[in-house]
PDB file of N, CA and C in Angstrom:
ATOM      1  N   MET A   1       7.825 -54.050  28.782  1.00  0.00           N
ATOM      2  CA  MET A   1       5.987 -53.703  28.650  1.00  0.00           C
ATOM      3  C   MET A   1       6.552 -52.560  28.725  1.00  0.00           C
ATOM      4  N   SER A   2       7.582 -51.037  28.961  1.00  0.00           N
ATOM      5  CA  SER A   2       7.680 -50.156  28.671  1.00  0.00           C
ATOM      6  C   SER A   2       8.051 -49.968  27.135  1.00  0.00           C
ATOM      7  N   PHE A   3       8.780 -51.136  26.705  1.00  0.00           N
ATOM      8  CA  PHE A   3       8.875 -50.807  24.867  1.00  0.00           C
ATOM      9  C   PHE A   3       7.817 -50.150  23.875  1.00  0.00           C
ATOM     10  N   LEU A   4       6.784 -51.152  24.564  1.00  0.00           N
ATOM     11  CA  LEU A   4       5.490 -50.663  24.656  1.00  0.00           C
ATOM     12  C   LEU A   4       4.920 -49.794  24.904  1.00  0.00           C
ATOM     13  N   ARG A   5       4.810 -48.835  25.592  1.00  0.00           N
ATOM     14  CA  ARG A   5       4.394 -47.838  26.319  1.00  0.00           C
ATOM     15  C   ARG A   5       5.083 -46.364  25.647  1.00  0.00           C
ATOM     16  N   THR A   6       6.740 -46.732  25.618  1.00  0.00           N
ATOM     17  CA  THR A   6       7.120 -46.001  24.716  1.00  0.00           C
ATOM     18  C   THR A   6       7.428 -45.226  23.257  1.00  0.00           C
ATOM     19  N   THR A   7       7.212 -47.022  23.118  1.00  0.00           N
ATOM     20  CA  THR A   7       7.145 -47.616  21.368  1.00  0.00           C
ATOM     21  C   THR A   7       5.436 -47.404  20.478  1.00  0.00           C
ATOM     22  N   VAL A   8       4.803 -47.972  21.488  1.00  0.00           N
ATOM     23  CA  VAL A   8       4.419 -48.913  20.253  1.00  0.00           C
ATOM     24  C   VAL A   8       3.081 -47.389  19.958  1.00  0.00           C
ATOM     25  N   LEU A   9       2.137 -47.455  22.002  1.00  0.00           N
ATOM     26  CA  LEU A   9       1.053 -47.011  21.940  1.00  0.00           C
ATOM     27  C   LEU A   9       1.508 -45.297  21.273  1.00  0.00           C
ATOM     28  N   PRO A  10       2.454 -43.698  21.087  1.00  0.00           N
ATOM     29  CA  PRO A  10       2.805 -43.499  20.415  1.00  0.00           C
ATOM     30  C   PRO A  10       1.712 -43.642  19.425  1.00  0.00           C
ATOM     31  N   ILE A  11       2.899 -44.455  18.525  1.00  0.00           N
ATOM     32  CA  ILE A  11       2.520 -44.787  17.547  1.00  0.00           C
ATOM     33  C   ILE A  11       1.739 -45.259  16.733  1.00  0.00           C
ATOM     34  N   LEU A  12       0.431 -45.596  17.806  1.00  0.00           N
ATOM     35  CA  LEU A  12      -0.458 -45.950  17.821  1.00  0.00           C
ATOM     36  C   LEU A  12      -2.463 -44.892  17.544  1.00  0.00           C
ATOM     37  N   ILE A  13      -1.569 -44.090  18.882  1.00  0.00           N
ATOM     38  CA  ILE A  13      -2.967 -43.181  18.730  1.00  0.00           C
ATOM     39  C   ILE A  13      -2.235 -41.880  17.810  1.00  0.00           C
ATOM     40  N   VAL A  14      -0.655 -41.737  17.223  1.00  0.00           N
ATOM     41  CA  VAL A  14      -0.614 -41.171  16.028  1.00  0.00           C
ATOM     42  C   VAL A  14      -1.755 -41.761  14.960  1.00  0.00           C
ATOM     43  N   THR A  15      -1.654 -42.677  14.422  1.00  0.00           N
ATOM     44  CA  THR A  15      -1.612 -44.026  13.317  1.00  0.00           C
ATOM     45  C   THR A  15      -3.792 -43.511  13.632  1.00  0.00           C
ATOM     46  N   LEU A  16      -3.714 -43.091  14.542  1.00  0.00           N
ATOM     47  CA  LEU A  16      -5.403 -43.227  14.978  1.00  0.00           C
ATOM     48  C   LEU A  16      -5.811 -41.851  14.535  1.00  0.00           C
ATOM     49  N   PHE A  17      -4.821 -40.926  15.371  1.00  0.00           N
ATOM     50  CA  PHE A  17      -5.554 -39.328  14.885  1.00  0.00           C
ATOM     51  C   PHE A  17      -5.504 -39.407  13.159  1.00  0.00           C
ATOM     52  N   GLY A  18      -4.156 -39.565  13.087  1.00  0.00           N
ATOM     53  CA  GLY A  18      -4.336 -39.353  11.160  1.00  0.00           C
ATOM     54  C   GLY A  18      -5.637 -40.006  10.473  1.00  0.00           C
ATOM     55  N   ILE A  19      -5.955 -41.157  11.529  1.00  0.00           N
ATOM     56  CA  ILE A  19      -7.169 -41.426  10.080  1.00  0.00           C
ATOM     57  C   ILE A  19      -7.775 -40.996  10.343  1.00  0.00           C
ATOM     58  N   ALA A  20      -8.537 -40.777  11.605  1.00  0.00           N
ATOM     59  CA  ALA A  20      -9.443 -39.729  11.891  1.00  0.00           C
ATOM     60  C   ALA A  20      -9.578 -38.563  10.922  1.00  0.00           C
ATOM     61  N   PHE A  21      -8.834 -37.582  10.981  1.00  0.00           N
ATOM     62  CA  PHE A  21      -8.405 -36.881  10.338  1.00  0.00           C
ATOM     63  C   PHE A  21      -9.486 -36.603   8.418  1.00  0.00           C
ATOM     64  N   PHE A  22      -8.558 -38.129   8.158  1.00  0.00           N
ATOM     65  CA  PHE A  22      -8.252 -38.379   6.991  1.00  0.00           C
ATOM     66  C   PHE A  22      -9.987 -38.767   6.635  1.00  0.00           C
ATOM     67  N   ALA A  23     -10.205 -39.503   7.615  1.00  0.00           N
ATOM     68  CA  ALA A  23     -11.535 -39.906   7.360  1.00  0.00           C
ATOM     69  C   ALA A  23     -12.543 -37.869   6.604  1.00  0.00           C
ATOM     70  N   VAL A  24     -12.203 -37.066   8.026  1.00  0.00           N
ATOM     71  CA  VAL A  24     -13.520 -35.944   8.241  1.00  0.00           C
ATOM     72  C   VAL A  24     -12.657 -35.028   7.223  1.00  0.00           C
ATOM     73  N   SER A  25     -11.117 -35.030   6.971  1.00  0.00           N
ATOM     74  CA  SER A  25     -11.069 -33.808   5.753  1.00  0.00           C
ATOM     75  C   SER A  25     -11.334 -34.800   4.525  1.00  0.00           C
ATOM     76  N   ALA A  26     -11.580 -35.980   4.769  1.00  0.00           N
ATOM     77  CA  ALA A  26     -11.631 -36.199   2.428  1.00  0.00           C
ATOM     78  C   ALA A  26     -13.641 -35.844   2.535  1.00  0.00           C
ATOM     79  N   ARG A  27     -14.802 -35.636   3.556  1.00  0.00           N
ATOM     80  CA  ARG A  27     -16.194 -34.854   3.159  1.00  0.00           C
ATOM     81  C   ARG A  27     -15.314 -33.516   2.159  1.00  0.00           C
ATOM     82  N   ILE A  28     -14.083 -33.264   2.611  1.00  0.00           N
ATOM     83  CA  ILE A  28     -13.995 -32.183   1.930  1.00  0.00           C
ATOM     84  C   ILE A  28     -14.589 -32.533  -0.136  1.00  0.00           C
ATOM     85  N   TRP A  29     -14.136 -33.622   0.057  1.00  0.00           N
ATOM     86  CA  TRP A  29     -13.886 -32.968  -1.610  1.00  0.00           C
ATOM     87  C   TRP A  29     -15.461 -33.932  -1.796  1.00  0.00           C
ATOM     88  N   LEU A  30     -15.730 -34.352  -1.698  1.00  0.00           N
ATOM     89  CA  LEU A  30     -16.813 -35.445  -1.624  1.00  0.00           C
ATOM     90  C   LEU A  30     -17.978 -34.791  -2.167  1.00  0.00           C
ATOM     91  N   PRO A  31     -18.662 -34.814  -3.159  1.00  0.00           N
ATOM     92  CA  PRO A  31     -19.563 -33.728  -3.986  1.00  0.00           C
ATOM     93  C   PRO A  31     -20.622 -34.051  -2.742  1.00  0.00           C
ATOM     94  N   GLY A  32     -20.905 -32.145  -3.177  1.00  0.00           N
ATOM     95  CA  GLY A  32     -22.406 -31.630  -2.602  1.00  0.00           C
ATOM     96  C   GLY A  32     -23.461 -33.303  -2.193  1.00  0.00           C
ATOM     97  N   ASP A  33     -24.325 -33.629  -2.910  1.00  0.00           N
ATOM     98  CA  ASP A  33     -25.107 -34.882  -2.938  1.00  0.00           C
ATOM     99  C   ASP A  33     -24.622 -35.655  -2.168  1.00  0.00           C
ATOM    100  N   MET A  34     -23.354 -35.872  -2.244  1.00  0.00           N
ATOM    101  CA  MET A  34     -23.067 -36.952  -1.153  1.00  0.00           C
ATOM    102  C   MET A  34     -22.752 -37.236   0.421  1.00  0.00           C
ATOM    103  N   LEU A  35     -22.680 -35.346   0.830  1.00  0.00           N
ATOM    104  CA  LEU A  35     -22.969 -34.835   2.133  1.00  0.00           C
ATOM    105  C   LEU A  35     -23.563 -35.360   2.700  1.00  0.00           C
ATOM    106  N   ALA A  36     -25.112 -34.824   2.512  1.00  0.00           N
ATOM    107  CA  ALA A  36     -26.352 -35.370   2.377  1.00  0.00           C
ATOM    108  C   ALA A  36     -26.652 -36.690   3.124  1.00  0.00           C
ATOM    109  N   PRO A  37     -27.293 -36.826   4.314  1.00  0.00           N
ATOM    110  CA  PRO A  37     -27.973 -38.605   4.546  1.00  0.00           C
ATOM    111  C   PRO A  37     -28.334 -39.191   3.798  1.00  0.00           C
ATOM    112  N   ALA A  38     -28.145 -40.211   3.265  1.00  0.00           N
ATOM    113  CA  ALA A  38     -29.270 -41.319   2.957  1.00  0.00           C
ATOM    114  C   ALA A  38     -30.305 -40.627   3.179  1.00  0.00           C
ATOM    115  N   PRO A  39     -31.579 -40.549   1.706  1.00  0.00           N
ATOM    116  CA  PRO A  39     -32.981 -40.948   1.626  1.00  0.00           C
ATOM    117  C   PRO A  39     -33.428 -41.820   3.158  1.00  0.00           C
ATOM    118  N   LEU A  40     -34.463 -42.095   3.687  1.00  0.00           N
ATOM    119  CA  LEU A  40     -35.136 -42.885   4.085  1.00  0.00           C
ATOM    120  C   LEU A  40     -36.188 -43.890   3.087  1.00  0.00           C
ATOM    121  N   GLY A  41     -36.445 -43.504   1.368  1.00  0.00           N
ATOM    122  CA  GLY A  41     -37.150 -44.027   0.840  1.00  0.00           C
ATOM    123  C   GLY A  41     -36.475 -45.036   0.067  1.00  0.00           C
ATOM    124  N   CYS A  42     -34.617 -45.258   0.403  1.00  0.00           N
ATOM    125  CA  CYS A  42     -34.624 -45.674  -0.468  1.00  0.00           C
ATOM    126  C   CYS A  42     -34.106 -47.296  -0.092  1.00  0.00           C
ATOM    127  N   VAL A  43     -33.953 -47.032   1.210  1.00  0.00           N
ATOM    128  CA  VAL A  43     -33.828 -48.562   2.111  1.00  0.00           C
ATOM    129  C   VAL A  43     -34.777 -49.848   1.140  1.00  0.00           C
ATOM    130  N   GLY A  44     -34.132 -50.929   1.452  1.00  0.00           N
ATOM    131  CA  GLY A  44     -34.739 -52.014   0.409  1.00  0.00           C
ATOM    132  C   GLY A  44     -35.377 -52.123  -0.977  1.00  0.00           C
ATOM    133  N   ASN A  45     -35.368 -51.024  -1.101  1.00  0.00           N
ATOM    134  CA  ASN A  45     -35.520 -51.138  -3.092  1.00  0.00           C
ATOM    135  C   ASN A  45     -34.617 -52.136  -3.613  1.00  0.00           C
TER     136      ASN A  45
END
């Protein structure tokens, strides 16, 4: 159990932080029109 607490858990936390950081920073490289929410009129067409 101590192996999980000292090795696996920190790696998991750092990995999740890295994925979240990548998802947030990837918005910088998107074109401006993709940053806006999707228009509601296009749903179901």
